[in-house]
Amino acid sequence: GNHSQVSRVPVAIKVLDVNDNAPEFASEHEAFLCENGKPGQVIQIVSAVDKDDPKNGHYFLYSLLPEMVNNPNFTIKKNEGK
């Protein structure tokens, strides 16, 4: 409330990483499943990229839609070695 103790200083802010690019799939994907597919068979491997500069690398999390989580016919597994 005391205007004699108020100061104004211009401040410049440099943003080092702007998240202006959304992650996207690394390539187009179209998966096909034959009717004689086996349980546990890999149907499709997907990967994503983000054009923003990563400080510590990018991490992507893939998940099924909530209504598909309890569907025993499809699962998503993390590919640790790639």
C-alpha atoms as a PDB file:
ATOM      1  CA  GLY A   1       0.000   0.000   0.000  1.00  0.00           C
ATOM      2  CA  ASN A   2       2.977   2.413   0.418  1.00  0.00           C
ATOM      3  CA  HIS A   3       3.738   3.718  -3.091  1.00  0.00           C
ATOM      4  CA  SER A   4       7.156   5.058  -2.029  1.00  0.00           C
ATOM      5  CA  GLN A   5       8.356   1.428  -1.622  1.00  0.00           C
ATOM      6  CA  VAL A   6       7.130   0.185  -5.025  1.00  0.00           C
ATOM      7  CA  SER A   7       9.615  -0.479  -7.858  1.00  0.00           C
ATOM      8  CA  ARG A   8       9.158  -1.524 -11.431  1.00  0.00           C
ATOM      9  CA  VAL A   9      11.851  -3.366 -13.356  1.00  0.00           C
ATOM     10  CA  PRO A  10      11.651  -4.753 -16.879  1.00  0.00           C
ATOM     11  CA  VAL A  11      12.358  -8.483 -16.935  1.00  0.00           C
ATOM     12  CA  ALA A  12      13.284 -10.573 -19.992  1.00  0.00           C
ATOM     13  CA  ILE A  13      12.384 -14.247 -19.926  1.00  0.00           C
ATOM     14  CA  LYS A  14      14.095 -16.676 -22.278  1.00  0.00           C
ATOM     15  CA  VAL A  15      12.080 -19.846 -22.854  1.00  0.00           C
ATOM     16  CA  LEU A  16      14.508 -22.671 -23.584  1.00  0.00           C
ATOM     17  CA  ASP A  17      12.008 -25.329 -24.659  1.00  0.00           C
ATOM     18  CA  VAL A  18       8.673 -24.423 -26.130  1.00  0.00           C
ATOM     19  CA  ASN A  19       6.297 -27.330 -26.431  1.00  0.00           C
ATOM     20  CA  ASP A  20       4.927 -26.188 -29.756  1.00  0.00           C
ATOM     21  CA  ASN A  21       5.016 -29.598 -31.453  1.00  0.00           C
ATOM     22  CA  ALA A  22       2.700 -32.350 -30.328  1.00  0.00           C
ATOM     23  CA  PRO A  23       4.046 -35.914 -30.315  1.00  0.00           C
ATOM     24  CA  GLU A  24       3.150 -37.913 -33.398  1.00  0.00           C
ATOM     25  CA  PHE A  25       3.621 -41.440 -34.651  1.00  0.00           C
ATOM     26  CA  ALA A  26       7.021 -41.964 -36.305  1.00  0.00           C
ATOM     27  CA  SER A  27       5.296 -43.445 -39.360  1.00  0.00           C
ATOM     28  CA  GLU A  28       1.843 -44.303 -40.637  1.00  0.00           C
ATOM     29  CA  HIS A  29       0.416 -47.498 -39.143  1.00  0.00           C
ATOM     30  CA  GLU A  30      -2.180 -49.869 -40.476  1.00  0.00           C
ATOM     31  CA  ALA A  31      -2.388 -53.191 -38.663  1.00  0.00           C
ATOM     32  CA  PHE A  32      -3.961 -56.386 -39.951  1.00  0.00           C
ATOM     33  CA  LEU A  33      -4.845 -59.429 -37.909  1.00  0.00           C
ATOM     34  CA  CYS A  34      -5.541 -62.793 -39.521  1.00  0.00           C
ATOM     35  CA  GLU A  35      -8.365 -64.878 -38.115  1.00  0.00           C
ATOM     36  CA  ASN A  36      -5.890 -67.623 -37.183  1.00  0.00           C
ATOM     37  CA  GLY A  37      -3.755 -65.265 -35.044  1.00  0.00           C
ATOM     38  CA  LYS A  38      -2.241 -66.835 -31.931  1.00  0.00           C
ATOM     39  CA  PRO A  39      -2.640 -65.571 -28.337  1.00  0.00           C
ATOM     40  CA  GLY A  40       0.307 -63.349 -27.421  1.00  0.00           C
ATOM     41  CA  GLN A  41       1.146 -62.675 -31.076  1.00  0.00           C
ATOM     42  CA  VAL A  42       2.545 -59.190 -31.766  1.00  0.00           C
ATOM     43  CA  ILE A  43       0.207 -57.384 -34.123  1.00  0.00           C
ATOM     44  CA  GLN A  44       1.896 -53.989 -34.428  1.00  0.00           C
ATOM     45  CA  ILE A  45       4.900 -52.133 -33.040  1.00  0.00           C
ATOM     46  CA  VAL A  46       4.471 -48.367 -32.848  1.00  0.00           C
ATOM     47  CA  SER A  47       6.822 -45.530 -31.975  1.00  0.00           C
ATOM     48  CA  ALA A  48       6.399 -41.797 -31.613  1.00  0.00           C
ATOM     49  CA  VAL A  49       8.555 -38.718 -32.096  1.00  0.00           C
ATOM     50  CA  ASP A  50       8.389 -35.198 -30.719  1.00  0.00           C
ATOM     51  CA  LYS A  51      10.084 -32.422 -32.693  1.00  0.00           C
ATOM     52  CA  ASP A  52      10.642 -30.366 -29.539  1.00  0.00           C
ATOM     53  CA  ASP A  53      14.173 -30.419 -28.192  1.00  0.00           C
ATOM     54  CA  PRO A  54      14.301 -32.984 -25.353  1.00  0.00           C
ATOM     55  CA  LYS A  55      16.348 -32.081 -22.285  1.00  0.00           C
ATOM     56  CA  ASN A  56      16.430 -35.643 -20.931  1.00  0.00           C
ATOM     57  CA  GLY A  57      14.985 -37.518 -23.893  1.00  0.00           C
ATOM     58  CA  HIS A  58      11.340 -38.100 -24.618  1.00  0.00           C
ATOM     59  CA  TYR A  59       9.147 -40.599 -22.848  1.00  0.00           C
ATOM     60  CA  PHE A  60       5.900 -41.762 -24.379  1.00  0.00           C
ATOM     61  CA  LEU A  61       3.163 -43.697 -22.638  1.00  0.00           C
ATOM     62  CA  TYR A  62       0.735 -45.770 -24.692  1.00  0.00           C
ATOM     63  CA  SER A  63      -2.542 -47.073 -23.309  1.00  0.00           C
ATOM     64  CA  LEU A  64      -5.820 -48.578 -24.419  1.00  0.00           C
ATOM     65  CA  LEU A  65      -9.006 -46.569 -24.275  1.00  0.00           C
ATOM     66  CA  PRO A  66     -10.758 -46.943 -20.903  1.00  0.00           C
ATOM     67  CA  GLU A  67     -13.531 -49.058 -22.426  1.00  0.00           C
ATOM     68  CA  MET A  68     -10.896 -51.460 -23.835  1.00  0.00           C
ATOM     69  CA  VAL A  69      -8.770 -51.911 -20.681  1.00  0.00           C
ATOM     70  CA  ASN A  70     -10.594 -55.057 -19.558  1.00  0.00           C
ATOM     71  CA  ASN A  71     -10.813 -56.556 -23.059  1.00  0.00           C
ATOM     72  CA  PRO A  72      -8.843 -59.836 -22.898  1.00  0.00           C
ATOM     73  CA  ASN A  73      -8.260 -59.835 -26.663  1.00  0.00           C
ATOM     74  CA  PHE A  74      -5.824 -56.912 -26.844  1.00  0.00           C
ATOM     75  CA  THR A  75      -3.007 -55.665 -24.611  1.00  0.00           C
ATOM     76  CA  ILE A  76      -0.199 -53.156 -24.894  1.00  0.00           C
ATOM     77  CA  LYS A  77       3.282 -54.151 -23.770  1.00  0.00           C
ATOM     78  CA  LYS A  78       6.219 -51.831 -23.240  1.00  0.00           C
ATOM     79  CA  ASN A  79       9.113 -52.726 -25.516  1.00  0.00           C
ATOM     80  CA  GLU A  80      12.050 -52.283 -23.129  1.00  0.00           C
ATOM     81  CA  GLY A  81      14.834 -53.190 -25.536  1.00  0.00           C
ATOM     82  CA  LYS A  82      14.147 -50.691 -28.317  1.00  0.00           C
END
